[in-house]
């Protein structure tokens, strides 16, 4: 099983192929934002990679990041945990002013 290290939180074993946004919520137990429910529309699920950044990107992630002019971040809803990675969780419910983190994303990337 891949190891997910969340800076300042800990290291967690994650089932291979699990969406990163769900691993952050379920294994790391953090309040990761995902306002659009994991559909690569809102960019609230952003993370910064410290190490192990995937070399591939879904078209949906590439398009929304480009449209918003975002660089240096990735969308946790569009990444599968298939290798060890270390991330900085930068989009958290605490301090966001939102009522909730968003609807739970599905197990698979749409």
N, C-alpha and C. Protein backbone atom coordinates (compact mmCIF):
# COMPACT_ATOMS: atom_id res chain seq x y z
N UNK A 1 0.84 -1.19 0.00
CA UNK A 1 0.00 0.00 0.00
C UNK A 1 0.87 1.25 0.00
N UNK A 2 0.46 2.25 -0.77
CA UNK A 2 1.23 3.50 -0.79
C UNK A 2 1.18 4.22 0.55
N UNK A 3 2.22 4.98 0.82
CA UNK A 3 2.29 5.80 2.02
C UNK A 3 1.97 7.25 1.63
N UNK A 4 1.03 7.84 2.33
CA UNK A 4 0.68 9.24 2.14
C UNK A 4 1.16 10.00 3.37
N UNK A 5 2.07 10.94 3.15
CA UNK A 5 2.52 11.79 4.24
C UNK A 5 1.89 13.16 4.03
N UNK A 6 1.20 13.63 5.07
CA UNK A 6 0.59 14.95 5.04
C UNK A 6 1.41 15.81 6.00
N UNK A 7 2.08 16.80 5.44
CA UNK A 7 2.97 17.65 6.22
C UNK A 7 2.24 18.20 7.45
N UNK A 8 2.86 18.01 8.61
CA UNK A 8 2.31 18.51 9.86
C UNK A 8 1.20 17.65 10.45
N UNK A 9 0.86 16.55 9.77
CA UNK A 9 -0.22 15.68 10.26
C UNK A 9 0.29 14.28 10.56
N UNK A 10 0.96 13.64 9.59
CA UNK A 10 1.47 12.29 9.81
C UNK A 10 1.58 11.53 8.51
N UNK A 11 1.91 10.23 8.64
CA UNK A 11 2.04 9.33 7.50
C UNK A 11 1.02 8.21 7.64
N UNK A 12 0.38 7.87 6.52
CA UNK A 12 -0.73 6.94 6.53
C UNK A 12 -0.62 5.96 5.38
N UNK A 13 -0.99 4.70 5.62
CA UNK A 13 -1.10 3.73 4.54
C UNK A 13 -2.44 3.96 3.87
N UNK A 14 -2.43 3.97 2.54
CA UNK A 14 -3.63 4.24 1.75
C UNK A 14 -3.85 3.10 0.77
N UNK A 15 -5.08 2.64 0.63
CA UNK A 15 -5.33 1.60 -0.38
C UNK A 15 -4.92 2.08 -1.77
N UNK A 16 -4.25 1.21 -2.51
CA UNK A 16 -3.80 1.55 -3.85
C UNK A 16 -4.99 1.93 -4.73
N UNK A 17 -4.86 3.06 -5.41
CA UNK A 17 -5.91 3.52 -6.31
C UNK A 17 -6.97 4.41 -5.67
N UNK A 18 -6.85 4.68 -4.38
CA UNK A 18 -7.82 5.56 -3.72
C UNK A 18 -7.57 7.00 -4.13
N UNK A 19 -8.63 7.74 -4.32
CA UNK A 19 -8.50 9.16 -4.66
C UNK A 19 -7.83 9.90 -3.51
N UNK A 20 -6.92 10.78 -3.84
CA UNK A 20 -6.18 11.52 -2.82
C UNK A 20 -7.12 12.32 -1.91
N UNK A 21 -8.12 12.96 -2.46
CA UNK A 21 -9.05 13.74 -1.64
C UNK A 21 -9.70 12.84 -0.57
N UNK A 22 -10.05 11.61 -0.94
CA UNK A 22 -10.66 10.69 0.02
C UNK A 22 -9.65 10.19 1.05
N UNK A 23 -8.41 9.97 0.62
CA UNK A 23 -7.36 9.55 1.55
C UNK A 23 -7.09 10.65 2.58
N UNK A 24 -7.12 11.89 2.14
CA UNK A 24 -6.93 13.00 3.08
C UNK A 24 -8.05 13.03 4.10
N UNK A 25 -9.26 12.76 3.66
CA UNK A 25 -10.41 12.77 4.57
C UNK A 25 -10.44 11.53 5.46
N UNK A 26 -10.29 10.35 4.85
CA UNK A 26 -10.50 9.09 5.56
C UNK A 26 -9.30 8.62 6.37
N UNK A 27 -8.13 8.59 5.76
CA UNK A 27 -6.95 8.09 6.46
C UNK A 27 -6.29 9.18 7.29
N UNK A 28 -6.10 10.36 6.72
CA UNK A 28 -5.42 11.44 7.45
C UNK A 28 -6.36 12.20 8.38
N UNK A 29 -7.67 12.04 8.16
CA UNK A 29 -8.70 12.65 9.02
C UNK A 29 -8.60 14.17 9.07
N UNK A 30 -8.32 14.77 7.90
CA UNK A 30 -8.28 16.23 7.86
C UNK A 30 -9.52 16.76 7.16
N UNK A 31 -9.78 18.03 7.36
CA UNK A 31 -10.98 18.69 6.84
C UNK A 31 -10.71 19.29 5.45
N UNK A 32 -10.28 18.44 4.53
CA UNK A 32 -9.95 18.86 3.16
C UNK A 32 -11.22 19.36 2.46
N UNK A 33 -11.12 20.54 1.85
CA UNK A 33 -12.25 21.07 1.08
C UNK A 33 -12.42 20.28 -0.22
N UNK A 34 -13.66 20.23 -0.68
CA UNK A 34 -14.01 19.58 -1.95
C UNK A 34 -15.42 20.04 -2.33
N UNK A 35 -15.59 21.34 -2.48
CA UNK A 35 -16.90 21.97 -2.64
C UNK A 35 -17.72 21.40 -3.80
N UNK A 36 -17.08 21.01 -4.89
CA UNK A 36 -17.84 20.52 -6.05
C UNK A 36 -18.06 19.01 -6.00
N UNK A 37 -17.62 18.38 -4.92
CA UNK A 37 -17.81 16.93 -4.80
C UNK A 37 -16.81 16.11 -5.58
N UNK A 38 -15.68 16.70 -5.91
CA UNK A 38 -14.62 15.95 -6.57
C UNK A 38 -14.74 15.88 -8.08
N UNK A 39 -15.31 16.91 -8.68
CA UNK A 39 -15.53 16.91 -10.12
C UNK A 39 -14.64 17.86 -10.90
N UNK A 40 -13.55 18.33 -10.30
CA UNK A 40 -12.58 19.22 -10.96
C UNK A 40 -13.24 20.48 -11.51
N UNK A 41 -14.12 21.09 -10.72
CA UNK A 41 -14.78 22.31 -11.15
C UNK A 41 -14.48 23.50 -10.27
N UNK A 42 -14.20 23.26 -8.98
CA UNK A 42 -14.11 24.39 -8.05
C UNK A 42 -12.70 24.74 -7.59
N UNK A 43 -11.78 23.84 -7.68
CA UNK A 43 -10.37 23.95 -7.25
C UNK A 43 -10.20 24.13 -5.74
N UNK A 44 -11.22 23.82 -4.95
CA UNK A 44 -11.06 23.97 -3.50
C UNK A 44 -10.26 22.83 -2.87
N UNK A 45 -10.01 21.76 -3.59
CA UNK A 45 -9.31 20.60 -3.02
C UNK A 45 -7.80 20.66 -3.28
N UNK A 46 -7.28 21.84 -3.47
CA UNK A 46 -5.86 22.01 -3.82
C UNK A 46 -4.90 21.47 -2.76
N UNK A 47 -3.83 20.90 -3.25
CA UNK A 47 -2.70 20.49 -2.41
C UNK A 47 -1.42 20.92 -3.10
N UNK A 48 -0.37 21.04 -2.32
CA UNK A 48 0.98 21.26 -2.85
C UNK A 48 1.77 19.99 -2.60
N UNK A 49 2.50 19.54 -3.59
CA UNK A 49 3.32 18.34 -3.42
C UNK A 49 4.70 18.72 -2.89
N UNK A 50 5.12 18.00 -1.88
CA UNK A 50 6.47 18.13 -1.34
C UNK A 50 7.36 17.11 -2.04
N UNK A 51 6.83 15.91 -2.25
CA UNK A 51 7.53 14.87 -3.00
C UNK A 51 6.51 13.88 -3.55
N UNK A 52 6.90 13.18 -4.58
CA UNK A 52 6.05 12.15 -5.16
C UNK A 52 4.93 12.66 -6.03
N UNK A 53 5.07 13.88 -6.57
CA UNK A 53 4.01 14.41 -7.42
C UNK A 53 3.82 13.53 -8.64
N UNK A 54 2.58 13.14 -8.93
CA UNK A 54 2.34 12.33 -10.13
C UNK A 54 2.78 13.08 -11.39
N UNK A 55 3.27 12.33 -12.35
CA UNK A 55 3.71 12.95 -13.60
C UNK A 55 2.56 13.13 -14.58
N UNK A 56 1.46 12.44 -14.34
CA UNK A 56 0.29 12.55 -15.22
C UNK A 56 -0.76 13.46 -14.59
N UNK A 57 -1.65 13.96 -15.43
CA UNK A 57 -2.71 14.85 -14.98
C UNK A 57 -3.95 14.58 -15.84
N UNK A 58 -5.11 14.55 -15.23
CA UNK A 58 -6.33 14.37 -16.02
C UNK A 58 -6.57 15.62 -16.86
N UNK A 59 -7.28 15.46 -17.95
CA UNK A 59 -7.63 16.61 -18.77
C UNK A 59 -8.44 17.62 -17.97
N UNK A 60 -9.36 17.12 -17.13
CA UNK A 60 -10.20 18.01 -16.32
C UNK A 60 -9.34 18.87 -15.39
N UNK A 61 -8.34 18.26 -14.74
CA UNK A 61 -7.47 19.01 -13.83
C UNK A 61 -6.65 20.04 -14.61
N UNK A 62 -6.06 19.61 -15.70
CA UNK A 62 -5.25 20.52 -16.51
C UNK A 62 -6.08 21.72 -16.98
N UNK A 63 -7.29 21.45 -17.45
CA UNK A 63 -8.14 22.52 -17.98
C UNK A 63 -8.55 23.52 -16.91
N UNK A 64 -8.97 23.05 -15.75
CA UNK A 64 -9.44 23.98 -14.72
C UNK A 64 -8.28 24.77 -14.10
N UNK A 65 -7.13 24.13 -13.91
CA UNK A 65 -5.97 24.86 -13.38
C UNK A 65 -5.52 25.93 -14.37
N UNK A 66 -5.49 25.58 -15.64
CA UNK A 66 -5.10 26.52 -16.68
C UNK A 66 -6.08 27.68 -16.77
N UNK A 67 -7.37 27.37 -16.75
CA UNK A 67 -8.40 28.41 -16.87
C UNK A 67 -8.33 29.41 -15.72
N UNK A 68 -7.89 28.94 -14.56
CA UNK A 68 -7.81 29.82 -13.39
C UNK A 68 -6.41 30.37 -13.17
N UNK A 69 -5.49 30.01 -14.03
CA UNK A 69 -4.12 30.51 -13.92
C UNK A 69 -3.38 30.01 -12.69
N UNK A 70 -3.71 28.82 -12.23
CA UNK A 70 -3.09 28.27 -11.02
C UNK A 70 -1.88 27.42 -11.38
N UNK A 71 -0.78 27.65 -10.69
CA UNK A 71 0.43 26.85 -10.87
C UNK A 71 0.95 26.45 -9.50
N UNK A 72 1.72 25.37 -9.46
CA UNK A 72 2.33 24.92 -8.21
C UNK A 72 1.37 24.19 -7.29
N UNK A 73 0.16 23.94 -7.75
CA UNK A 73 -0.82 23.21 -6.97
C UNK A 73 -1.43 22.12 -7.84
N UNK A 74 -2.01 21.13 -7.18
CA UNK A 74 -2.72 20.06 -7.87
C UNK A 74 -4.07 19.88 -7.20
N UNK A 75 -5.00 19.25 -7.90
CA UNK A 75 -6.33 18.99 -7.36
C UNK A 75 -6.36 17.57 -6.80
N UNK A 76 -6.58 17.47 -5.50
CA UNK A 76 -6.56 16.16 -4.85
C UNK A 76 -7.69 15.26 -5.33
N UNK A 77 -8.74 15.84 -5.89
CA UNK A 77 -9.86 15.03 -6.39
C UNK A 77 -9.51 14.32 -7.69
N UNK A 78 -8.44 14.71 -8.35
CA UNK A 78 -8.08 14.16 -9.66
C UNK A 78 -6.84 13.27 -9.60
N UNK A 79 -6.41 12.92 -8.39
CA UNK A 79 -5.17 12.15 -8.24
C UNK A 79 -5.46 10.85 -7.51
N UNK A 80 -4.90 9.76 -8.03
CA UNK A 80 -5.02 8.46 -7.38
C UNK A 80 -3.75 8.18 -6.59
N UNK A 81 -3.92 7.58 -5.45
CA UNK A 81 -2.77 7.19 -4.61
C UNK A 81 -2.27 5.83 -5.13
N UNK A 82 -1.22 5.87 -5.94
CA UNK A 82 -0.66 4.63 -6.48
C UNK A 82 0.84 4.53 -6.22
N UNK A 83 1.34 5.48 -5.42
CA UNK A 83 2.76 5.48 -5.04
C UNK A 83 2.90 6.37 -3.80
N UNK A 84 4.05 6.33 -3.15
CA UNK A 84 4.28 7.17 -1.97
C UNK A 84 4.31 8.64 -2.37
N UNK A 85 3.70 9.47 -1.55
CA UNK A 85 3.68 10.90 -1.82
C UNK A 85 3.61 11.68 -0.53
N UNK A 86 4.12 12.90 -0.58
CA UNK A 86 4.05 13.83 0.55
C UNK A 86 3.41 15.10 0.05
N UNK A 87 2.36 15.54 0.77
CA UNK A 87 1.63 16.73 0.36
C UNK A 87 1.49 17.72 1.51
N UNK A 88 1.24 18.94 1.13
CA UNK A 88 0.88 20.00 2.06
C UNK A 88 -0.60 20.29 1.77
N UNK A 89 -1.45 20.06 2.76
CA UNK A 89 -2.89 20.29 2.59
C UNK A 89 -3.15 21.78 2.81
N UNK A 90 -3.45 22.49 1.74
CA UNK A 90 -3.58 23.95 1.81
C UNK A 90 -5.02 24.44 1.72
N UNK A 91 -5.95 23.54 1.44
CA UNK A 91 -7.36 23.93 1.31
C UNK A 91 -8.18 23.18 2.35
N UNK A 92 -8.31 23.80 3.51
CA UNK A 92 -8.98 23.16 4.64
C UNK A 92 -10.25 23.92 5.00
N UNK A 93 -11.21 23.20 5.56
CA UNK A 93 -12.47 23.81 5.97
C UNK A 93 -12.25 24.86 7.06
N UNK A 94 -11.41 24.53 8.03
CA UNK A 94 -11.14 25.47 9.12
C UNK A 94 -10.59 26.77 8.55
N UNK A 95 -11.23 27.86 8.89
CA UNK A 95 -10.79 29.18 8.45
C UNK A 95 -11.27 29.58 7.07
N UNK A 96 -12.00 28.69 6.39
CA UNK A 96 -12.45 29.00 5.02
C UNK A 96 -13.72 29.84 4.99
N UNK A 97 -14.48 29.82 6.07
CA UNK A 97 -15.76 30.53 6.09
C UNK A 97 -16.89 29.71 5.49
N UNK A 98 -16.58 28.53 4.99
CA UNK A 98 -17.61 27.67 4.41
C UNK A 98 -18.36 26.92 5.51
N UNK A 99 -19.60 26.55 5.21
CA UNK A 99 -20.43 25.81 6.17
C UNK A 99 -19.96 24.37 6.30
N UNK A 100 -19.57 23.76 5.18
CA UNK A 100 -19.07 22.39 5.19
C UNK A 100 -18.02 22.23 4.10
N UNK A 101 -17.37 21.08 4.10
CA UNK A 101 -16.28 20.83 3.15
C UNK A 101 -16.78 20.55 1.74
N UNK A 102 -18.04 20.12 1.62
CA UNK A 102 -18.61 19.78 0.32
C UNK A 102 -19.14 18.36 0.33
N UNK A 103 -19.91 17.99 -0.72
CA UNK A 103 -20.42 16.62 -0.78
C UNK A 103 -19.30 15.61 -0.99
N UNK A 104 -19.45 14.44 -0.37
CA UNK A 104 -18.40 13.43 -0.46
C UNK A 104 -18.18 13.02 -1.92
N UNK A 105 -16.92 13.08 -2.38
CA UNK A 105 -16.61 12.63 -3.74
C UNK A 105 -16.84 11.12 -3.88
N UNK A 106 -17.13 10.69 -5.10
CA UNK A 106 -17.28 9.26 -5.38
C UNK A 106 -15.93 8.57 -5.27
N UNK A 107 -15.94 7.27 -5.26
CA UNK A 107 -14.70 6.51 -5.15
C UNK A 107 -13.85 6.56 -6.41
N UNK A 108 -14.46 6.87 -7.55
CA UNK A 108 -13.73 6.90 -8.81
C UNK A 108 -13.72 8.32 -9.39
N UNK A 109 -12.71 8.62 -10.16
CA UNK A 109 -12.62 9.92 -10.81
C UNK A 109 -13.56 9.92 -12.01
N UNK A 110 -14.50 10.88 -12.05
CA UNK A 110 -15.47 10.89 -13.16
C UNK A 110 -14.81 11.22 -14.49
